[in-house]
Amino acid sequence: MIPDYHFEGLSYVKTPHHTSNTSTKLLDKIERNFVDGIKIPTAVTTTYKAFNLPKSELIEEYRKFVTSFNSTGRGTEGYGYVKTVFNIIKKEFTEELIGDAIRHF
């Protein structure tokens, strides 16, 4: 089990298992350690077209704790990725969506 202190001040979350219904343990852990008003800046997930993942219901659950949520997408290009660059000194980040990648919110 991952100790709670690892969930303090998160900057980035890669959701497990394509954000499927079997991947809610991370979401539960984030919820237990959430400080009101302090959202995690960004989260990203991969898609799995054959099983219609990520699940939109779980993406909406992450909305409570995350400011931005992106995925690798389901488009026609056949690939997608999210480029996230952090400036740790300025505590800023930029995101670039490439190919089929999409911003959910």
PDB file of N, CA and C in Angstrom:
ATOM      1  N   MET A   1       0.835  -1.179   0.000  1.00  0.00           N
ATOM      2  CA  MET A   1       0.000   0.000   0.000  1.00  0.00           C
ATOM      3  C   MET A   1       0.886   1.250   0.000  1.00  0.00           C
ATOM      4  N   ILE A   2       0.524   2.201  -0.791  1.00  0.00           N
ATOM      5  CA  ILE A   2       1.296   3.452  -0.891  1.00  0.00           C
ATOM      6  C   ILE A   2       0.943   4.345   0.295  1.00  0.00           C
ATOM      7  N   PRO A   3       1.946   4.825   1.035  1.00  0.00           N
ATOM      8  CA  PRO A   3       1.663   5.698   2.182  1.00  0.00           C
ATOM      9  C   PRO A   3       0.964   6.994   1.756  1.00  0.00           C
ATOM     10  N   ASP A   4       0.100   7.499   2.636  1.00  0.00           N
ATOM     11  CA  ASP A   4      -0.680   8.699   2.349  1.00  0.00           C
ATOM     12  C   ASP A   4       0.168   9.911   2.009  1.00  0.00           C
ATOM     13  N   TYR A   5       1.343  10.055   2.642  1.00  0.00           N
ATOM     14  CA  TYR A   5       2.145  11.258   2.408  1.00  0.00           C
ATOM     15  C   TYR A   5       2.589  11.396   0.949  1.00  0.00           C
ATOM     16  N   HIS A   6       2.569  10.329   0.184  1.00  0.00           N
ATOM     17  CA  HIS A   6       2.897  10.415  -1.246  1.00  0.00           C
ATOM     18  C   HIS A   6       1.813  11.137  -2.039  1.00  0.00           C
ATOM     19  N   PHE A   7       0.662  11.335  -1.449  1.00  0.00           N
ATOM     20  CA  PHE A   7      -0.454  11.974  -2.136  1.00  0.00           C
ATOM     21  C   PHE A   7      -0.601  13.446  -1.768  1.00  0.00           C
ATOM     22  N   GLU A   8       0.317  13.965  -1.001  1.00  0.00           N
ATOM     23  CA  GLU A   8       0.295  15.382  -0.629  1.00  0.00           C
ATOM     24  C   GLU A   8       0.983  16.192  -1.715  1.00  0.00           C
ATOM     25  N   GLY A   9       0.312  17.232  -2.191  1.00  0.00           N
ATOM     26  CA  GLY A   9       0.917  18.133  -3.167  1.00  0.00           C
ATOM     27  C   GLY A   9       1.160  17.522  -4.537  1.00  0.00           C
ATOM     28  N   LEU A  10       0.323  16.607  -4.970  1.00  0.00           N
ATOM     29  CA  LEU A  10       0.493  16.003  -6.291  1.00  0.00           C
ATOM     30  C   LEU A  10       0.402  17.049  -7.397  1.00  0.00           C
ATOM     31  N   SER A  11       1.203  16.880  -8.427  1.00  0.00           N
ATOM     32  CA  SER A  11       1.182  17.771  -9.589  1.00  0.00           C
ATOM     33  C   SER A  11       0.642  17.087 -10.838  1.00  0.00           C
ATOM     34  N   TYR A  12       0.680  15.769 -10.846  1.00  0.00           N
ATOM     35  CA  TYR A  12       0.368  15.022 -12.065  1.00  0.00           C
ATOM     36  C   TYR A  12      -0.127  13.638 -11.666  1.00  0.00           C
ATOM     37  N   VAL A  13      -1.154  13.162 -12.344  1.00  0.00           N
ATOM     38  CA  VAL A  13      -1.650  11.811 -12.105  1.00  0.00           C
ATOM     39  C   VAL A  13      -1.784  11.100 -13.445  1.00  0.00           C
ATOM     40  N   LYS A  14      -1.204   9.923 -13.545  1.00  0.00           N
ATOM     41  CA  LYS A  14      -1.453   9.027 -14.674  1.00  0.00           C
ATOM     42  C   LYS A  14      -2.420   7.980 -14.134  1.00  0.00           C
ATOM     43  N   THR A  15      -3.662   8.021 -14.608  1.00  0.00           N
ATOM     44  CA  THR A  15      -4.661   7.110 -14.067  1.00  0.00           C
ATOM     45  C   THR A  15      -4.371   5.679 -14.502  1.00  0.00           C
ATOM     46  N   PRO A  16      -4.633   4.729 -13.623  1.00  0.00           N
ATOM     47  CA  PRO A  16      -4.307   3.339 -13.952  1.00  0.00           C
ATOM     48  C   PRO A  16      -5.329   2.680 -14.875  1.00  0.00           C
ATOM     49  N   HIS A  17      -4.884   1.671 -15.551  1.00  0.00           N
ATOM     50  CA  HIS A  17      -5.700   0.736 -16.325  1.00  0.00           C
ATOM     51  C   HIS A  17      -6.724   1.413 -17.232  1.00  0.00           C
ATOM     52  N   HIS A  18      -6.285   2.407 -17.972  1.00  0.00           N
ATOM     53  CA  HIS A  18      -7.128   3.114 -18.950  1.00  0.00           C
ATOM     54  C   HIS A  18      -8.361   3.779 -18.315  1.00  0.00           C
ATOM     55  N   THR A  19      -8.308   4.032 -17.013  1.00  0.00           N
ATOM     56  CA  THR A  19      -9.438   4.610 -16.269  1.00  0.00           C
ATOM     57  C   THR A  19     -10.687   3.736 -16.426  1.00  0.00           C
ATOM     58  N   SER A  20     -10.503   2.453 -16.135  1.00  0.00           N
ATOM     59  CA  SER A  20     -11.617   1.500 -16.206  1.00  0.00           C
ATOM     60  C   SER A  20     -12.272   1.372 -14.833  1.00  0.00           C
ATOM     61  N   ASN A  21     -13.386   0.672 -14.789  1.00  0.00           N
ATOM     62  CA  ASN A  21     -14.097   0.470 -13.522  1.00  0.00           C
ATOM     63  C   ASN A  21     -13.299  -0.347 -12.519  1.00  0.00           C
ATOM     64  N   THR A  22     -12.262  -1.040 -12.972  1.00  0.00           N
ATOM     65  CA  THR A  22     -11.426  -1.822 -12.060  1.00  0.00           C
ATOM     66  C   THR A  22     -10.231  -1.022 -11.551  1.00  0.00           C
ATOM     67  N   SER A  23     -10.199   0.280 -11.837  1.00  0.00           N
ATOM     68  CA  SER A  23      -9.036   1.094 -11.470  1.00  0.00           C
ATOM     69  C   SER A  23      -9.388   2.238 -10.521  1.00  0.00           C
ATOM     70  N   THR A  24     -10.270   1.987  -9.582  1.00  0.00           N
ATOM     71  CA  THR A  24     -10.738   3.064  -8.715  1.00  0.00           C
ATOM     72  C   THR A  24      -9.941   3.222  -7.423  1.00  0.00           C
ATOM     73  N   LYS A  25      -8.999   2.341  -7.148  1.00  0.00           N
ATOM     74  CA  LYS A  25      -8.235   2.446  -5.893  1.00  0.00           C
ATOM     75  C   LYS A  25      -7.446   3.753  -5.816  1.00  0.00           C
ATOM     76  N   LEU A  26      -6.865   4.188  -6.915  1.00  0.00           N
ATOM     77  CA  LEU A  26      -6.137   5.456  -6.905  1.00  0.00           C
ATOM     78  C   LEU A  26      -7.097   6.611  -6.636  1.00  0.00           C
ATOM     79  N   LEU A  27      -8.226   6.597  -7.272  1.00  0.00           N
ATOM     80  CA  LEU A  27      -9.231   7.639  -7.066  1.00  0.00           C
ATOM     81  C   LEU A  27      -9.677   7.672  -5.603  1.00  0.00           C
ATOM     82  N   ASP A  28      -9.876   6.511  -5.006  1.00  0.00           N
ATOM     83  CA  ASP A  28     -10.254   6.432  -3.591  1.00  0.00           C
ATOM     84  C   ASP A  28      -9.158   7.025  -2.702  1.00  0.00           C
ATOM     85  N   LYS A  29      -7.916   6.713  -3.020  1.00  0.00           N
ATOM     86  CA  LYS A  29      -6.781   7.223  -2.233  1.00  0.00           C
ATOM     87  C   LYS A  29      -6.685   8.740  -2.361  1.00  0.00           C
ATOM     88  N   ILE A  30      -6.856   9.256  -3.557  1.00  0.00           N
ATOM     89  CA  ILE A  30      -6.831  10.712  -3.764  1.00  0.00           C
ATOM     90  C   ILE A  30      -7.960  11.355  -2.967  1.00  0.00           C
ATOM     91  N   GLU A  31      -9.136  10.767  -3.011  1.00  0.00           N
ATOM     92  CA  GLU A  31     -10.291  11.327  -2.288  1.00  0.00           C
ATOM     93  C   GLU A  31     -10.029  11.373  -0.782  1.00  0.00           C
ATOM     94  N   ARG A  32      -9.436  10.334  -0.236  1.00  0.00           N
ATOM     95  CA  ARG A  32      -9.153  10.296   1.205  1.00  0.00           C
ATOM     96  C   ARG A  32      -8.128  11.341   1.614  1.00  0.00           C
ATOM     97  N   ASN A  33      -7.253  11.734   0.698  1.00  0.00           N
ATOM     98  CA  ASN A  33      -6.182  12.671   1.016  1.00  0.00           C
ATOM     99  C   ASN A  33      -6.399  14.063   0.430  1.00  0.00           C
ATOM    100  N   PHE A  34      -7.578  14.301  -0.121  1.00  0.00           N
ATOM    101  CA  PHE A  34      -7.872  15.569  -0.777  1.00  0.00           C
ATOM    102  C   PHE A  34      -8.034  16.692   0.242  1.00  0.00           C
ATOM    103  N   VAL A  35      -7.377  17.825  -0.051  1.00  0.00           N
ATOM    104  CA  VAL A  35      -7.533  19.029   0.749  1.00  0.00           C
ATOM    105  C   VAL A  35      -8.463  19.950  -0.020  1.00  0.00           C
ATOM    106  N   ASP A  36      -9.572  20.347   0.592  1.00  0.00           N
ATOM    107  CA  ASP A  36     -10.561  21.194  -0.080  1.00  0.00           C
ATOM    108  C   ASP A  36      -9.918  22.386  -0.769  1.00  0.00           C
ATOM    109  N   GLY A  37     -10.294  22.577  -2.031  1.00  0.00           N
ATOM    110  CA  GLY A  37      -9.839  23.733  -2.790  1.00  0.00           C
ATOM    111  C   GLY A  37      -8.480  23.592  -3.456  1.00  0.00           C
ATOM    112  N   ILE A  38      -7.745  22.548  -3.148  1.00  0.00           N
ATOM    113  CA  ILE A  38      -6.420  22.374  -3.758  1.00  0.00           C
ATOM    114  C   ILE A  38      -6.476  21.187  -4.714  1.00  0.00           C
ATOM    115  N   LYS A  39      -6.712  21.485  -5.985  1.00  0.00           N
ATOM    116  CA  LYS A  39      -6.825  20.425  -6.982  1.00  0.00           C
ATOM    117  C   LYS A  39      -5.462  20.052  -7.546  1.00  0.00           C
ATOM    118  N   ILE A  40      -5.359  18.824  -7.986  1.00  0.00           N
ATOM    119  CA  ILE A  40      -4.180  18.346  -8.701  1.00  0.00           C
ATOM    120  C   ILE A  40      -4.225  19.008 -10.074  1.00  0.00           C
ATOM    121  N   PRO A  41      -3.130  19.628 -10.527  1.00  0.00           N
ATOM    122  CA  PRO A  41      -3.183  20.379 -11.786  1.00  0.00           C
ATOM    123  C   PRO A  41      -3.605  19.574 -13.009  1.00  0.00           C
ATOM    124  N   THR A  42      -3.101  18.354 -13.169  1.00  0.00           N
ATOM    125  CA  THR A  42      -3.410  17.632 -14.398  1.00  0.00           C
ATOM    126  C   THR A  42      -3.375  16.118 -14.199  1.00  0.00           C
ATOM    127  N   ALA A  43      -4.192  15.444 -15.011  1.00  0.00           N
ATOM    128  CA  ALA A  43      -4.219  13.983 -15.028  1.00  0.00           C
ATOM    129  C   ALA A  43      -4.300  13.537 -16.485  1.00  0.00           C
ATOM    130  N   VAL A  44      -3.778  12.346 -16.742  1.00  0.00           N
ATOM    131  CA  VAL A  44      -3.786  11.806 -18.096  1.00  0.00           C
ATOM    132  C   VAL A  44      -4.071  10.308 -18.034  1.00  0.00           C
ATOM    133  N   THR A  45      -4.685   9.814 -19.094  1.00  0.00           N
ATOM    134  CA  THR A  45      -4.950   8.384 -19.194  1.00  0.00           C
ATOM    135  C   THR A  45      -4.734   7.929 -20.632  1.00  0.00           C
ATOM    136  N   THR A  46      -4.581   6.639 -20.793  1.00  0.00           N
ATOM    137  CA  THR A  46      -4.511   6.059 -22.122  1.00  0.00           C
ATOM    138  C   THR A  46      -5.891   5.526 -22.495  1.00  0.00           C
ATOM    139  N   THR A  47      -6.130   5.365 -23.772  1.00  0.00           N
ATOM    140  CA  THR A  47      -7.411   4.846 -24.233  1.00  0.00           C
ATOM    141  C   THR A  47      -7.267   3.385 -24.645  1.00  0.00           C
ATOM    142  N   TYR A  48      -8.387   2.698 -24.643  1.00  0.00           N
ATOM    143  CA  TYR A  48      -8.443   1.326 -25.114  1.00  0.00           C
ATOM    144  C   TYR A  48      -9.781   1.193 -25.839  1.00  0.00           C
ATOM    145  N   LYS A  49      -9.736   1.380 -27.150  1.00  0.00           N
ATOM    146  CA  LYS A  49     -10.956   1.450 -27.964  1.00  0.00           C
ATOM    147  C   LYS A  49     -11.829   0.205 -27.843  1.00  0.00           C
ATOM    148  N   ALA A  50     -11.218  -0.960 -27.812  1.00  0.00           N
ATOM    149  CA  ALA A  50     -11.977  -2.211 -27.807  1.00  0.00           C
ATOM    150  C   ALA A  50     -12.932  -2.316 -26.614  1.00  0.00           C
ATOM    151  N   PHE A  51     -12.589  -1.651 -25.520  1.00  0.00           N
ATOM    152  CA  PHE A  51     -13.439  -1.705 -24.324  1.00  0.00           C
ATOM    153  C   PHE A  51     -14.010  -0.336 -23.958  1.00  0.00           C
ATOM    154  N   ASN A  52     -13.976   0.589 -24.917  1.00  0.00           N
ATOM    155  CA  ASN A  52     -14.544   1.926 -24.728  1.00  0.00           C
ATOM    156  C   ASN A  52     -14.000   2.611 -23.469  1.00  0.00           C
ATOM    157  N   LEU A  53     -12.690   2.560 -23.325  1.00  0.00           N
ATOM    158  CA  LEU A  53     -12.029   3.177 -22.178  1.00  0.00           C
ATOM    159  C   LEU A  53     -11.254   4.413 -22.622  1.00  0.00           C
ATOM    160  N   PRO A  54     -11.220   5.429 -21.818  1.00  0.00           N
ATOM    161  CA  PRO A  54     -11.589   5.535 -20.409  1.00  0.00           C
ATOM    162  C   PRO A  54     -13.093   5.674 -20.218  1.00  0.00           C
ATOM    163  N   LYS A  55     -13.549   5.303 -19.031  1.00  0.00           N
ATOM    164  CA  LYS A  55     -14.967   5.407 -18.686  1.00  0.00           C
ATOM    165  C   LYS A  55     -15.307   6.858 -18.340  1.00  0.00           C
ATOM    166  N   SER A  56     -16.297   7.405 -19.010  1.00  0.00           N
ATOM    167  CA  SER A  56     -16.660   8.814 -18.801  1.00  0.00           C
ATOM    168  C   SER A  56     -17.123   9.073 -17.367  1.00  0.00           C
ATOM    169  N   GLU A  57     -17.744   8.095 -16.716  1.00  0.00           N
ATOM    170  CA  GLU A  57     -18.178   8.277 -15.332  1.00  0.00           C
ATOM    171  C   GLU A  57     -16.990   8.492 -14.402  1.00  0.00           C
ATOM    172  N   LEU A  58     -15.909   7.759 -14.645  1.00  0.00           N
ATOM    173  CA  LEU A  58     -14.721   7.915 -13.803  1.00  0.00           C
ATOM    174  C   LEU A  58     -13.999   9.221 -14.105  1.00  0.00           C
ATOM    175  N   ILE A  59     -13.984   9.631 -15.365  1.00  0.00           N
ATOM    176  CA  ILE A  59     -13.399  10.929 -15.703  1.00  0.00           C
ATOM    177  C   ILE A  59     -14.125  12.016 -14.918  1.00  0.00           C
ATOM    178  N   GLU A  60     -15.439  11.913 -14.835  1.00  0.00           N
ATOM    179  CA  GLU A  60     -16.221  12.900 -14.072  1.00  0.00           C
ATOM    180  C   GLU A  60     -15.892  12.838 -12.584  1.00  0.00           C
ATOM    181  N   GLU A  61     -15.588  11.667 -12.056  1.00  0.00           N
ATOM    182  CA  GLU A  61     -15.177  11.562 -10.657  1.00  0.00           C
ATOM    183  C   GLU A  61     -13.848  12.292 -10.425  1.00  0.00           C
ATOM    184  N   TYR A  62     -12.930  12.164 -11.380  1.00  0.00           N
ATOM    185  CA  TYR A  62     -11.641  12.857 -11.254  1.00  0.00           C
ATOM    186  C   TYR A  62     -11.819  14.373 -11.286  1.00  0.00           C
ATOM    187  N   ARG A  63     -12.885  14.861 -11.907  1.00  0.00           N
ATOM    188  CA  ARG A  63     -13.134  16.305 -11.996  1.00  0.00           C
ATOM    189  C   ARG A  63     -13.152  16.962 -10.609  1.00  0.00           C
ATOM    190  N   LYS A  64     -13.567  16.242  -9.595  1.00  0.00           N
ATOM    191  CA  LYS A  64     -13.614  16.778  -8.228  1.00  0.00           C
ATOM    192  C   LYS A  64     -12.225  17.130  -7.705  1.00  0.00           C
ATOM    193  N   PHE A  65     -11.193  16.457  -8.237  1.00  0.00           N
ATOM    194  CA  PHE A  65      -9.858  16.546  -7.657  1.00  0.00           C
ATOM    195  C   PHE A  65      -8.786  17.064  -8.610  1.00  0.00           C
ATOM    196  N   VAL A  66      -9.131  17.202  -9.895  1.00  0.00           N
ATOM    197  CA  VAL A  66      -8.142  17.514 -10.929  1.00  0.00           C
ATOM    198  C   VAL A  66      -8.627  18.698 -11.763  1.00  0.00           C
ATOM    199  N   THR A  67      -7.711  19.586 -12.119  1.00  0.00           N
ATOM    200  CA  THR A  67      -8.063  20.756 -12.928  1.00  0.00           C
ATOM    201  C   THR A  67      -8.177  20.428 -14.408  1.00  0.00           C
ATOM    202  N   SER A  68      -7.288  19.581 -14.914  1.00  0.00           N
ATOM    203  CA  SER A  68      -7.242  19.246 -16.338  1.00  0.00           C
ATOM    204  C   SER A  68      -7.149  17.726 -16.484  1.00  0.00           C
ATOM    205  N   PHE A  69      -7.891  17.161 -17.443  1.00  0.00           N
ATOM    206  CA  PHE A  69      -7.867  15.718 -17.664  1.00  0.00           C
ATOM    207  C   PHE A  69      -7.787  15.462 -19.163  1.00  0.00           C
ATOM    208  N   ASN A  70      -6.759  14.738 -19.595  1.00  0.00           N
ATOM    209  CA  ASN A  70      -6.521  14.444 -21.010  1.00  0.00           C
ATOM    210  C   ASN A  70      -6.368  12.945 -21.226  1.00  0.00           C
ATOM    211  N   SER A  71      -6.606  12.532 -22.477  1.00  0.00           N
ATOM    212  CA  SER A  71      -6.356  11.136 -22.823  1.00  0.00           C
ATOM    213  C   SER A  71      -5.718  11.055 -24.209  1.00  0.00           C
ATOM    214  N   THR A  72      -5.206   9.874 -24.506  1.00  0.00           N
ATOM    215  CA  THR A  72      -4.534   9.673 -25.785  1.00  0.00           C
ATOM    216  C   THR A  72      -5.498   9.646 -26.952  1.00  0.00           C
ATOM    217  N   GLY A  73      -6.802   9.570 -26.714  1.00  0.00           N
ATOM    218  CA  GLY A  73      -7.808   9.763 -27.752  1.00  0.00           C
ATOM    219  C   GLY A  73      -8.215   8.522 -28.512  1.00  0.00           C
ATOM    220  N   ARG A  74      -9.298   8.697 -29.307  1.00  0.00           N
ATOM    221  CA  ARG A  74      -9.864   7.593 -30.084  1.00  0.00           C
ATOM    222  C   ARG A  74     -10.076   7.987 -31.537  1.00  0.00           C
ATOM    223  N   GLY A  75      -9.305   8.886 -32.055  1.00  0.00           N
ATOM    224  CA  GLY A  75      -9.531   9.419 -33.389  1.00  0.00           C
ATOM    225  C   GLY A  75      -9.051   8.537 -34.515  1.00  0.00           C
ATOM    226  N   THR A  76      -8.915   9.147 -35.668  1.00  0.00           N
ATOM    227  CA  THR A  76      -8.583   8.424 -36.895  1.00  0.00           C
ATOM    228  C   THR A  76      -7.090   8.370 -37.190  1.00  0.00           C
ATOM    229  N   GLU A  77      -6.287   9.131 -36.482  1.00  0.00           N
ATOM    230  CA  GLU A  77      -4.853   9.153 -36.770  1.00  0.00           C
ATOM    231  C   GLU A  77      -4.145   7.873 -36.334  1.00  0.00           C
ATOM    232  N   GLY A  78      -4.743   7.144 -35.387  1.00  0.00           N
ATOM    233  CA  GLY A  78      -4.158   5.882 -34.954  1.00  0.00           C
ATOM    234  C   GLY A  78      -3.162   6.015 -33.822  1.00  0.00           C
ATOM    235  N   TYR A  79      -2.940   7.223 -33.342  1.00  0.00           N
ATOM    236  CA  TYR A  79      -2.050   7.431 -32.205  1.00  0.00           C
ATOM    237  C   TYR A  79      -2.426   8.753 -31.538  1.00  0.00           C
ATOM    238  N   GLY A  80      -2.000   8.905 -30.339  1.00  0.00           N
ATOM    239  CA  GLY A  80      -2.172  10.163 -29.641  1.00  0.00           C
ATOM    240  C   GLY A  80      -1.279  10.164 -28.416  1.00  0.00           C
ATOM    241  N   TYR A  81      -0.781  11.337 -28.084  1.00  0.00           N
ATOM    242  CA  TYR A  81      -0.035  11.452 -26.833  1.00  0.00           C
ATOM    243  C   TYR A  81      -0.176  12.852 -26.282  1.00  0.00           C
ATOM    244  N   VAL A  82       0.055  12.935 -24.982  1.00  0.00           N
ATOM    245  CA  VAL A  82      -0.043  14.196 -24.261  1.00  0.00           C
ATOM    246  C   VAL A  82       1.363  14.545 -23.790  1.00  0.00           C
ATOM    247  N   LYS A  83       1.851  15.672 -24.251  1.00  0.00           N
ATOM    248  CA  LYS A  83       3.171  16.146 -23.824  1.00  0.00           C
ATOM    249  C   LYS A  83       2.959  17.152 -22.700  1.00  0.00           C
ATOM    250  N   THR A  84       3.463  16.831 -21.525  1.00  0.00           N
ATOM    251  CA  THR A  84       3.348  17.702 -20.367  1.00  0.00           C
ATOM    252  C   THR A  84       4.738  18.106 -19.932  1.00  0.00           C
ATOM    253  N   VAL A  85       4.980  19.415 -19.846  1.00  0.00           N
ATOM    254  CA  VAL A  85       6.275  19.941 -19.447  1.00  0.00           C
ATOM    255  C   VAL A  85       6.088  20.760 -18.177  1.00  0.00           C
ATOM    256  N   PHE A  86       6.839  20.409 -17.134  1.00  0.00           N
ATOM    257  CA  PHE A  86       6.763  21.107 -15.861  1.00  0.00           C
ATOM    258  C   PHE A  86       7.966  22.016 -15.677  1.00  0.00           C
ATOM    259  N   ASN A  87       7.715  23.239 -15.215  1.00  0.00           N
ATOM    260  CA  ASN A  87       8.768  24.138 -14.750  1.00  0.00           C
ATOM    261  C   ASN A  87       8.650  24.118 -13.231  1.00  0.00           C
ATOM    262  N   ILE A  88       9.508  23.348 -12.589  1.00  0.00           N
ATOM    263  CA  ILE A  88       9.369  23.150 -11.149  1.00  0.00           C
ATOM    264  C   ILE A  88       9.748  24.396 -10.354  1.00  0.00           C
ATOM    265  N   ILE A  89      10.541  25.268 -10.922  1.00  0.00           N
ATOM    266  CA  ILE A  89      10.900  26.505 -10.225  1.00  0.00           C
ATOM    267  C   ILE A  89       9.714  27.462 -10.189  1.00  0.00           C
ATOM    268  N   LYS A  90       9.061  27.633 -11.322  1.00  0.00           N
ATOM    269  CA  LYS A  90       7.913  28.539 -11.403  1.00  0.00           C
ATOM    270  C   LYS A  90       6.594  27.867 -10.994  1.00  0.00           C
ATOM    271  N   LYS A  91       6.644  26.555 -10.799  1.00  0.00           N
ATOM    272  CA  LYS A  91       5.446  25.770 -10.470  1.00  0.00           C
ATOM    273  C   LYS A  91       4.369  25.957 -11.535  1.00  0.00           C
ATOM    274  N   GLU A  92       4.810  25.820 -12.779  1.00  0.00           N
ATOM    275  CA  GLU A  92       3.922  25.938 -13.940  1.00  0.00           C
ATOM    276  C   GLU A  92       4.090  24.707 -14.820  1.00  0.00           C
ATOM    277  N   PHE A  93       3.111  24.475 -15.672  1.00  0.00           N
ATOM    278  CA  PHE A  93       3.234  23.397 -16.637  1.00  0.00           C
ATOM    279  C   PHE A  93       2.493  23.775 -17.908  1.00  0.00           C
ATOM    280  N   THR A  94       2.904  23.143 -19.002  1.00  0.00           N
ATOM    281  CA  THR A  94       2.203  23.297 -20.270  1.00  0.00           C
ATOM    282  C   THR A  94       1.839  21.901 -20.771  1.00  0.00           C
ATOM    283  N   GLU A  95       0.758  21.853 -21.537  1.00  0.00           N
ATOM    284  CA  GLU A  95       0.325  20.592 -22.115  1.00  0.00           C
ATOM    285  C   GLU A  95       0.126  20.779 -23.611  1.00  0.00           C
ATOM    286  N   GLU A  96       0.529  19.795 -24.357  1.00  0.00           N
ATOM    287  CA  GLU A  96       0.327  19.796 -25.804  1.00  0.00           C
ATOM    288  C   GLU A  96      -0.304  18.463 -26.173  1.00  0.00           C
ATOM    289  N   LEU A  97      -1.408  18.519 -26.899  1.00  0.00           N
ATOM    290  CA  LEU A  97      -2.101  17.308 -27.325  1.00  0.00           C
ATOM    291  C   LEU A  97      -1.719  17.017 -28.769  1.00  0.00           C
ATOM    292  N   ILE A  98      -1.206  15.822 -29.004  1.00  0.00           N
ATOM    293  CA  ILE A  98      -0.688  15.436 -30.311  1.00  0.00           C
ATOM    294  C   ILE A  98      -1.534  14.292 -30.872  1.00  0.00           C
ATOM    295  N   GLY A  99      -1.728  14.302 -32.196  1.00  0.00           N
ATOM    296  CA  GLY A  99      -2.483  13.225 -32.847  1.00  0.00           C
ATOM    297  C   GLY A  99      -3.919  13.206 -32.380  1.00  0.00           C
ATOM    298  N   ASP A 100      -4.377  12.052 -31.912  1.00  0.00           N
ATOM    299  CA  ASP A 100      -5.754  11.871 -31.470  1.00  0.00           C
ATOM    300  C   ASP A 100      -6.012  12.292 -30.019  1.00  0.00           C
ATOM    301  N   ALA A 101      -4.994  12.754 -29.315  1.00  0.00           N
ATOM    302  CA  ALA A 101      -5.171  13.115 -27.916  1.00  0.00           C
ATOM    303  C   ALA A 101      -6.252  14.160 -27.747  1.00  0.00           C
ATOM    304  N   ILE A 102      -7.009  14.049 -26.641  1.00  0.00           N
ATOM    305  CA  ILE A 102      -8.112  14.984 -26.404  1.00  0.00           C
ATOM    306  C   ILE A 102      -8.110  15.482 -24.951  1.00  0.00           C
ATOM    307  N   ARG A 103      -8.652  16.676 -24.785  1.00  0.00           N
ATOM    308  CA  ARG A 103      -8.853  17.249 -23.454  1.00  0.00           C
ATOM    309  C   ARG A 103     -10.313  16.989 -23.055  1.00  0.00           C
ATOM    310  N   HIS A 104     -10.496  16.311 -21.958  1.00  0.00           N
ATOM    311  CA  HIS A 104     -11.850  16.015 -21.469  1.00  0.00           C
ATOM    312  C   HIS A 104     -12.402  17.201 -20.690  1.00  0.00           C
ATOM    313  N   PHE A 105     -11.528  17.867 -19.956  1.00  0.00           N
ATOM    314  CA  PHE A 105     -11.874  19.126 -19.277  1.00  0.00           C
ATOM    315  C   PHE A 105     -10.608  19.830 -18.885  1.00  0.00           C
TER     316      PHE A 105
END
